Amino acid sequence: MKSITVSLEMAQKVKEFVNVTQSFPCEILLKSGKFVVDAKSILGIFSLDLSKPITVEVYSNDCDEIIEQLRKFS
């Protein structure tokens, strides 16, 4: 498991983020405070407080490519 912090303050960024996460078969979660949602769910993401940085956790043995693509949301 690896984690990265991202900022998803605009709806367009959320849409792009979900498109990236859906292209990978592994489990990807978003954590904001005590809330955890599936990073592949637009509705789940919009239930979080997007004004604050969000932690992305990628559960995969080979997650370097995923992390690299998610860095543009940092």
PDB file of N, CA and C in Angstrom:
ATOM      1  N   MET A   1       0.837  -1.171   0.000  1.00  0.00           N
ATOM      2  CA  MET A   1       0.000   0.000   0.000  1.00  0.00           C
ATOM      3  C   MET A   1       0.886   1.239   0.000  1.00  0.00           C
ATOM      4  N   LYS A   2       0.527   2.187  -0.859  1.00  0.00           N
ATOM      5  CA  LYS A   2       1.193   3.484  -0.882  1.00  0.00           C
ATOM      6  C   LYS A   2       0.132   4.559  -0.801  1.00  0.00           C
ATOM      7  N   SER A   3       0.535   5.728  -0.302  1.00  0.00           N
ATOM      8  CA  SER A   3      -0.433   6.824  -0.202  1.00  0.00           C
ATOM      9  C   SER A   3       0.169   8.111  -0.748  1.00  0.00           C
ATOM     10  N   ILE A   4      -0.732   9.002  -1.148  1.00  0.00           N
ATOM     11  CA  ILE A   4      -0.364  10.308  -1.685  1.00  0.00           C
ATOM     12  C   ILE A   4      -1.481  11.273  -1.293  1.00  0.00           C
ATOM     13  N   THR A   5      -1.151  12.540  -1.126  1.00  0.00           N
ATOM     14  CA  THR A   5      -2.157  13.554  -0.815  1.00  0.00           C
ATOM     15  C   THR A   5      -2.502  14.317  -2.082  1.00  0.00           C
ATOM     16  N   VAL A   6      -3.814  14.493  -2.311  1.00  0.00           N
ATOM     17  CA  VAL A   6      -4.276  15.197  -3.509  1.00  0.00           C
ATOM     18  C   VAL A   6      -5.245  16.303  -3.117  1.00  0.00           C
ATOM     19  N   SER A   7      -5.492  17.195  -4.079  1.00  0.00           N
ATOM     20  CA  SER A   7      -6.453  18.274  -3.910  1.00  0.00           C
ATOM     21  C   SER A   7      -7.447  18.193  -5.062  1.00  0.00           C
ATOM     22  N   LEU A   8      -8.728  18.053  -4.732  1.00  0.00           N
ATOM     23  CA  LEU A   8      -9.781  17.910  -5.743  1.00  0.00           C
ATOM     24  C   LEU A   8     -10.842  18.988  -5.532  1.00  0.00           C
ATOM     25  N   GLU A   9     -10.458  20.244  -5.658  1.00  0.00           N
ATOM     26  CA  GLU A   9     -11.359  21.344  -5.327  1.00  0.00           C
ATOM     27  C   GLU A   9     -12.380  21.665  -6.412  1.00  0.00           C
ATOM     28  N   MET A  10     -12.139  21.234  -7.656  1.00  0.00           N
ATOM     29  CA  MET A  10     -13.059  21.567  -8.737  1.00  0.00           C
ATOM     30  C   MET A  10     -13.691  20.288  -9.291  1.00  0.00           C
ATOM     31  N   ALA A  11     -14.937  20.399  -9.759  1.00  0.00           N
ATOM     32  CA  ALA A  11     -15.664  19.243 -10.281  1.00  0.00           C
ATOM     33  C   ALA A  11     -14.930  18.602 -11.453  1.00  0.00           C
ATOM     34  N   GLN A  12     -14.302  19.394 -12.307  1.00  0.00           N
ATOM     35  CA  GLN A  12     -13.573  18.850 -13.454  1.00  0.00           C
ATOM     36  C   GLN A  12     -12.401  17.981 -12.997  1.00  0.00           C
ATOM     37  N   LYS A  13     -11.726  18.396 -11.923  1.00  0.00           N
ATOM     38  CA  LYS A  13     -10.611  17.597 -11.391  1.00  0.00           C
ATOM     39  C   LYS A  13     -11.126  16.272 -10.832  1.00  0.00           C
ATOM     40  N   VAL A  14     -12.303  16.297 -10.202  1.00  0.00           N
ATOM     41  CA  VAL A  14     -12.882  15.057  -9.670  1.00  0.00           C
ATOM     42  C   VAL A  14     -13.173  14.098 -10.817  1.00  0.00           C
ATOM     43  N   LYS A  15     -13.751  14.608 -11.893  1.00  0.00           N
ATOM     44  CA  LYS A  15     -14.065  13.771 -13.055  1.00  0.00           C
ATOM     45  C   LYS A  15     -12.791  13.157 -13.642  1.00  0.00           C
ATOM     46  N   GLU A  16     -11.748  13.943 -13.811  1.00  0.00           N
ATOM     47  CA  GLU A  16     -10.475  13.448 -14.336  1.00  0.00           C
ATOM     48  C   GLU A  16      -9.865  12.408 -13.388  1.00  0.00           C
ATOM     49  N   PHE A  17      -9.942  12.681 -12.086  1.00  0.00           N
ATOM     50  CA  PHE A  17      -9.397  11.772 -11.078  1.00  0.00           C
ATOM     51  C   PHE A  17     -10.096  10.415 -11.157  1.00  0.00           C
ATOM     52  N   VAL A  18     -11.414  10.417 -11.247  1.00  0.00           N
ATOM     53  CA  VAL A  18     -12.175   9.171 -11.318  1.00  0.00           C
ATOM     54  C   VAL A  18     -11.836   8.414 -12.604  1.00  0.00           C
ATOM     55  N   ASN A  19     -11.679   9.122 -13.701  1.00  0.00           N
ATOM     56  CA  ASN A  19     -11.293   8.457 -14.955  1.00  0.00           C
ATOM     57  C   ASN A  19      -9.950   7.747 -14.819  1.00  0.00           C
ATOM     58  N   VAL A  20      -9.006   8.370 -14.128  1.00  0.00           N
ATOM     59  CA  VAL A  20      -7.694   7.747 -13.916  1.00  0.00           C
ATOM     60  C   VAL A  20      -7.831   6.520 -13.010  1.00  0.00           C
ATOM     61  N   THR A  21      -8.528   6.660 -11.899  1.00  0.00           N
ATOM     62  CA  THR A  21      -8.626   5.551 -10.943  1.00  0.00           C
ATOM     63  C   THR A  21      -9.395   4.367 -11.521  1.00  0.00           C
ATOM     64  N   GLN A  22     -10.394   4.633 -12.354  1.00  0.00           N
ATOM     65  CA  GLN A  22     -11.180   3.541 -12.929  1.00  0.00           C
ATOM     66  C   GLN A  22     -10.395   2.726 -13.951  1.00  0.00           C
ATOM     67  N   SER A  23      -9.298   3.258 -14.441  1.00  0.00           N
ATOM     68  CA  SER A  23      -8.511   2.527 -15.426  1.00  0.00           C
ATOM     69  C   SER A  23      -7.585   1.485 -14.789  1.00  0.00           C
ATOM     70  N   PHE A  24      -7.575   1.402 -13.463  1.00  0.00           N
ATOM     71  CA  PHE A  24      -6.742   0.428 -12.753  1.00  0.00           C
ATOM     72  C   PHE A  24      -7.629  -0.547 -11.988  1.00  0.00           C
ATOM     73  N   PRO A  25      -7.278  -1.839 -11.992  1.00  0.00           N
ATOM     74  CA  PRO A  25      -8.125  -2.847 -11.346  1.00  0.00           C
ATOM     75  C   PRO A  25      -7.971  -2.954  -9.827  1.00  0.00           C
ATOM     76  N   CYS A  26      -6.994  -2.292  -9.249  1.00  0.00           N
ATOM     77  CA  CYS A  26      -6.743  -2.433  -7.815  1.00  0.00           C
ATOM     78  C   CYS A  26      -7.687  -1.552  -6.990  1.00  0.00           C
ATOM     79  N   GLU A  27      -7.666  -1.778  -5.687  1.00  0.00           N
ATOM     80  CA  GLU A  27      -8.490  -0.990  -4.773  1.00  0.00           C
ATOM     81  C   GLU A  27      -7.790   0.335  -4.474  1.00  0.00           C
ATOM     82  N   ILE A  28      -8.535   1.437  -4.626  1.00  0.00           N
ATOM     83  CA  ILE A  28      -8.016   2.772  -4.347  1.00  0.00           C
ATOM     84  C   ILE A  28      -9.038   3.470  -3.463  1.00  0.00           C
ATOM     85  N   LEU A  29      -8.596   3.940  -2.311  1.00  0.00           N
ATOM     86  CA  LEU A  29      -9.492   4.587  -1.347  1.00  0.00           C
ATOM     87  C   LEU A  29      -9.078   6.030  -1.114  1.00  0.00           C
ATOM     88  N   LEU A  30     -10.052   6.861  -0.770  1.00  0.00           N
ATOM     89  CA  LEU A  30      -9.801   8.244  -0.368  1.00  0.00           C
ATOM     90  C   LEU A  30     -10.163   8.385   1.101  1.00  0.00           C
ATOM     91  N   LYS A  31      -9.303   9.056   1.862  1.00  0.00           N
ATOM     92  CA  LYS A  31      -9.549   9.283   3.283  1.00  0.00           C
ATOM     93  C   LYS A  31      -9.505  10.770   3.583  1.00  0.00           C
ATOM     94  N   SER A  32     -10.546  11.225   4.248  1.00  0.00           N
ATOM     95  CA  SER A  32     -10.627  12.614   4.691  1.00  0.00           C
ATOM     96  C   SER A  32     -11.174  12.610   6.108  1.00  0.00           C
ATOM     97  N   GLY A  33     -10.301  12.880   7.057  1.00  0.00           N
ATOM     98  CA  GLY A  33     -10.715  12.800   8.459  1.00  0.00           C
ATOM     99  C   GLY A  33     -11.080  11.372   8.805  1.00  0.00           C
ATOM    100  N   LYS A  34     -12.289  11.166   9.307  1.00  0.00           N
ATOM    101  CA  LYS A  34     -12.732   9.820   9.675  1.00  0.00           C
ATOM    102  C   LYS A  34     -13.507   9.131   8.553  1.00  0.00           C
ATOM    103  N   PHE A  35     -13.641   9.786   7.402  1.00  0.00           N
ATOM    104  CA  PHE A  35     -14.409   9.243   6.292  1.00  0.00           C
ATOM    105  C   PHE A  35     -13.507   8.562   5.267  1.00  0.00           C
ATOM    106  N   VAL A  36     -13.968   7.424   4.761  1.00  0.00           N
ATOM    107  CA  VAL A  36     -13.247   6.658   3.741  1.00  0.00           C
ATOM    108  C   VAL A  36     -14.230   6.326   2.631  1.00  0.00           C
ATOM    109  N   VAL A  37     -13.843   6.635   1.371  1.00  0.00           N
ATOM    110  CA  VAL A  37     -14.716   6.330   0.237  1.00  0.00           C
ATOM    111  C   VAL A  37     -13.900   5.675  -0.886  1.00  0.00           C
ATOM    112  N   ASP A  38     -14.606   5.017  -1.774  1.00  0.00           N
ATOM    113  CA  ASP A  38     -13.996   4.405  -2.956  1.00  0.00           C
ATOM    114  C   ASP A  38     -13.583   5.528  -3.907  1.00  0.00           C
ATOM    115  N   ALA A  39     -12.324   5.528  -4.327  1.00  0.00           N
ATOM    116  CA  ALA A  39     -11.810   6.588  -5.205  1.00  0.00           C
ATOM    117  C   ALA A  39     -12.360   6.490  -6.619  1.00  0.00           C
ATOM    118  N   LYS A  40     -13.065   5.420  -6.930  1.00  0.00           N
ATOM    119  CA  LYS A  40     -13.651   5.239  -8.251  1.00  0.00           C
ATOM    120  C   LYS A  40     -15.106   5.699  -8.297  1.00  0.00           C
ATOM    121  N   SER A  41     -15.597   6.260  -7.202  1.00  0.00           N
ATOM    122  CA  SER A  41     -16.994   6.680  -7.080  1.00  0.00           C
ATOM    123  C   SER A  41     -17.098   8.204  -7.037  1.00  0.00           C
ATOM    124  N   ILE A  42     -17.692   8.779  -8.067  1.00  0.00           N
ATOM    125  CA  ILE A  42     -17.872  10.241  -8.092  1.00  0.00           C
ATOM    126  C   ILE A  42     -18.748  10.690  -6.927  1.00  0.00           C
ATOM    127  N   LEU A  43     -19.839   9.982  -6.688  1.00  0.00           N
ATOM    128  CA  LEU A  43     -20.729  10.363  -5.582  1.00  0.00           C
ATOM    129  C   LEU A  43     -20.014  10.263  -4.237  1.00  0.00           C
ATOM    130  N   GLY A  44     -19.202   9.223  -4.070  1.00  0.00           N
ATOM    131  CA  GLY A  44     -18.443   9.073  -2.836  1.00  0.00           C
ATOM    132  C   GLY A  44     -17.482  10.232  -2.625  1.00  0.00           C
ATOM    133  N   ILE A  45     -16.815  10.639  -3.684  1.00  0.00           N
ATOM    134  CA  ILE A  45     -15.854  11.744  -3.588  1.00  0.00           C
ATOM    135  C   ILE A  45     -16.561  13.045  -3.232  1.00  0.00           C
ATOM    136  N   PHE A  46     -17.724  13.295  -3.844  1.00  0.00           N
ATOM    137  CA  PHE A  46     -18.446  14.534  -3.547  1.00  0.00           C
ATOM    138  C   PHE A  46     -19.046  14.550  -2.143  1.00  0.00           C
ATOM    139  N   SER A  47     -19.051  13.409  -1.458  1.00  0.00           N
ATOM    140  CA  SER A  47     -19.539  13.390  -0.077  1.00  0.00           C
ATOM    141  C   SER A  47     -18.453  13.854   0.901  1.00  0.00           C
ATOM    142  N   LEU A  48     -17.214  14.002   0.413  1.00  0.00           N
ATOM    143  CA  LEU A  48     -16.101  14.458   1.257  1.00  0.00           C
ATOM    144  C   LEU A  48     -15.991  15.977   1.238  1.00  0.00           C
ATOM    145  N   ASP A  49     -15.272  16.516   2.202  1.00  0.00           N
ATOM    146  CA  ASP A  49     -14.967  17.949   2.242  1.00  0.00           C
ATOM    147  C   ASP A  49     -13.803  18.184   1.283  1.00  0.00           C
ATOM    148  N   LEU A  50     -14.105  18.662   0.083  1.00  0.00           N
ATOM    149  CA  LEU A  50     -13.082  18.829  -0.951  1.00  0.00           C
ATOM    150  C   LEU A  50     -12.263  20.102  -0.801  1.00  0.00           C
ATOM    151  N   SER A  51     -12.558  20.911   0.205  1.00  0.00           N
ATOM    152  CA  SER A  51     -11.774  22.122   0.423  1.00  0.00           C
ATOM    153  C   SER A  51     -10.451  21.816   1.129  1.00  0.00           C
ATOM    154  N   LYS A  52     -10.311  20.597   1.626  1.00  0.00           N
ATOM    155  CA  LYS A  52      -9.093  20.188   2.328  1.00  0.00           C
ATOM    156  C   LYS A  52      -8.372  19.111   1.522  1.00  0.00           C
ATOM    157  N   PRO A  53      -7.059  18.967   1.714  1.00  0.00           N
ATOM    158  CA  PRO A  53      -6.334  17.879   1.041  1.00  0.00           C
ATOM    159  C   PRO A  53      -6.883  16.511   1.457  1.00  0.00           C
ATOM    160  N   ILE A  54      -6.845  15.569   0.522  1.00  0.00           N
ATOM    161  CA  ILE A  54      -7.390  14.237   0.739  1.00  0.00           C
ATOM    162  C   ILE A  54      -6.270  13.218   0.525  1.00  0.00           C
ATOM    163  N   THR A  55      -6.250  12.189   1.356  1.00  0.00           N
ATOM    164  CA  THR A  55      -5.250  11.137   1.226  1.00  0.00           C
ATOM    165  C   THR A  55      -5.782  10.020   0.336  1.00  0.00           C
ATOM    166  N   VAL A  56      -4.979   9.644  -0.657  1.00  0.00           N
ATOM    167  CA  VAL A  56      -5.308   8.530  -1.544  1.00  0.00           C
ATOM    168  C   VAL A  56      -4.462   7.344  -1.124  1.00  0.00           C
ATOM    169  N   GLU A  57      -5.102   6.193  -0.910  1.00  0.00           N
ATOM    170  CA  GLU A  57      -4.381   4.974  -0.573  1.00  0.00           C
ATOM    171  C   GLU A  57      -4.589   3.960  -1.686  1.00  0.00           C
ATOM    172  N   VAL A  58      -3.488   3.492  -2.257  1.00  0.00           N
ATOM    173  CA  VAL A  58      -3.523   2.529  -3.362  1.00  0.00           C
ATOM    174  C   VAL A  58      -3.080   1.173  -2.819  1.00  0.00           C
ATOM    175  N   TYR A  59      -3.941   0.172  -2.961  1.00  0.00           N
ATOM    176  CA  TYR A  59      -3.648  -1.175  -2.479  1.00  0.00           C
ATOM    177  C   TYR A  59      -3.300  -2.065  -3.672  1.00  0.00           C
ATOM    178  N   SER A  60      -2.015  -2.119  -3.974  1.00  0.00           N
ATOM    179  CA  SER A  60      -1.522  -2.912  -5.090  1.00  0.00           C
ATOM    180  C   SER A  60      -0.044  -3.200  -4.867  1.00  0.00           C
ATOM    181  N   ASN A  61       0.416  -4.336  -5.348  1.00  0.00           N
ATOM    182  CA  ASN A  61       1.836  -4.660  -5.248  1.00  0.00           C
ATOM    183  C   ASN A  61       2.668  -3.820  -6.202  1.00  0.00           C
ATOM    184  N   ASP A  62       2.060  -3.411  -7.303  1.00  0.00           N
ATOM    185  CA  ASP A  62       2.756  -2.607  -8.308  1.00  0.00           C
ATOM    186  C   ASP A  62       1.964  -1.317  -8.508  1.00  0.00           C
ATOM    187  N   CYS A  63       2.175  -0.347  -7.637  1.00  0.00           N
ATOM    188  CA  CYS A  63       1.362   0.866  -7.692  1.00  0.00           C
ATOM    189  C   CYS A  63       2.146   2.097  -8.141  1.00  0.00           C
ATOM    190  N   ASP A  64       3.364   1.926  -8.622  1.00  0.00           N
ATOM    191  CA  ASP A  64       4.171   3.077  -9.043  1.00  0.00           C
ATOM    192  C   ASP A  64       3.533   3.838 -10.199  1.00  0.00           C
ATOM    193  N   GLU A  65       2.984   3.127 -11.177  1.00  0.00           N
ATOM    194  CA  GLU A  65       2.340   3.780 -12.321  1.00  0.00           C
ATOM    195  C   GLU A  65       1.105   4.558 -11.887  1.00  0.00           C
ATOM    196  N   ILE A  66       0.336   3.983 -10.987  1.00  0.00           N
ATOM    197  CA  ILE A  66      -0.873   4.645 -10.492  1.00  0.00           C
ATOM    198  C   ILE A  66      -0.496   5.926  -9.751  1.00  0.00           C
ATOM    199  N   ILE A  67       0.462   5.829  -8.849  1.00  0.00           N
ATOM    200  CA  ILE A  67       0.905   6.985  -8.067  1.00  0.00           C
ATOM    201  C   ILE A  67       1.411   8.082  -9.003  1.00  0.00           C
ATOM    202  N   GLU A  68       2.160   7.704 -10.021  1.00  0.00           N
ATOM    203  CA  GLU A  68       2.693   8.680 -10.974  1.00  0.00           C
ATOM    204  C   GLU A  68       1.569   9.436 -11.677  1.00  0.00           C
ATOM    205  N   GLN A  69       0.511   8.731 -12.075  1.00  0.00           N
ATOM    206  CA  GLN A  69      -0.607   9.390 -12.744  1.00  0.00           C
ATOM    207  C   GLN A  69      -1.421  10.261 -11.786  1.00  0.00           C
ATOM    208  N   LEU A  70      -1.433   9.916 -10.505  1.00  0.00           N
ATOM    209  CA  LEU A  70      -2.204  10.690  -9.527  1.00  0.00           C
ATOM    210  C   LEU A  70      -1.435  11.918  -9.025  1.00  0.00           C
ATOM    211  N   ARG A  71      -0.142  12.003  -9.284  1.00  0.00           N
ATOM    212  CA  ARG A  71       0.654  13.141  -8.838  1.00  0.00           C
ATOM    213  C   ARG A  71       0.172  14.462  -9.433  1.00  0.00           C
ATOM    214  N   LYS A  72      -0.436  14.431 -10.603  1.00  0.00           N
ATOM    215  CA  LYS A  72      -0.908  15.682 -11.214  1.00  0.00           C
ATOM    216  C   LYS A  72      -2.058  16.311 -10.420  1.00  0.00           C
ATOM    217  N   PHE A  73      -2.632  15.565  -9.477  1.00  0.00           N
ATOM    218  CA  PHE A  73      -3.700  16.098  -8.634  1.00  0.00           C
ATOM    219  C   PHE A  73      -3.164  16.603  -7.280  1.00  0.00           C
ATOM    220  N   SER A  74      -1.853  16.566  -7.107  1.00  0.00           N
ATOM    221  CA  SER A  74      -1.245  17.004  -5.837  1.00  0.00           C
ATOM    222  C   SER A  74      -1.268  18.506  -5.698  1.00  0.00           C
TER     223      SER A  74
END
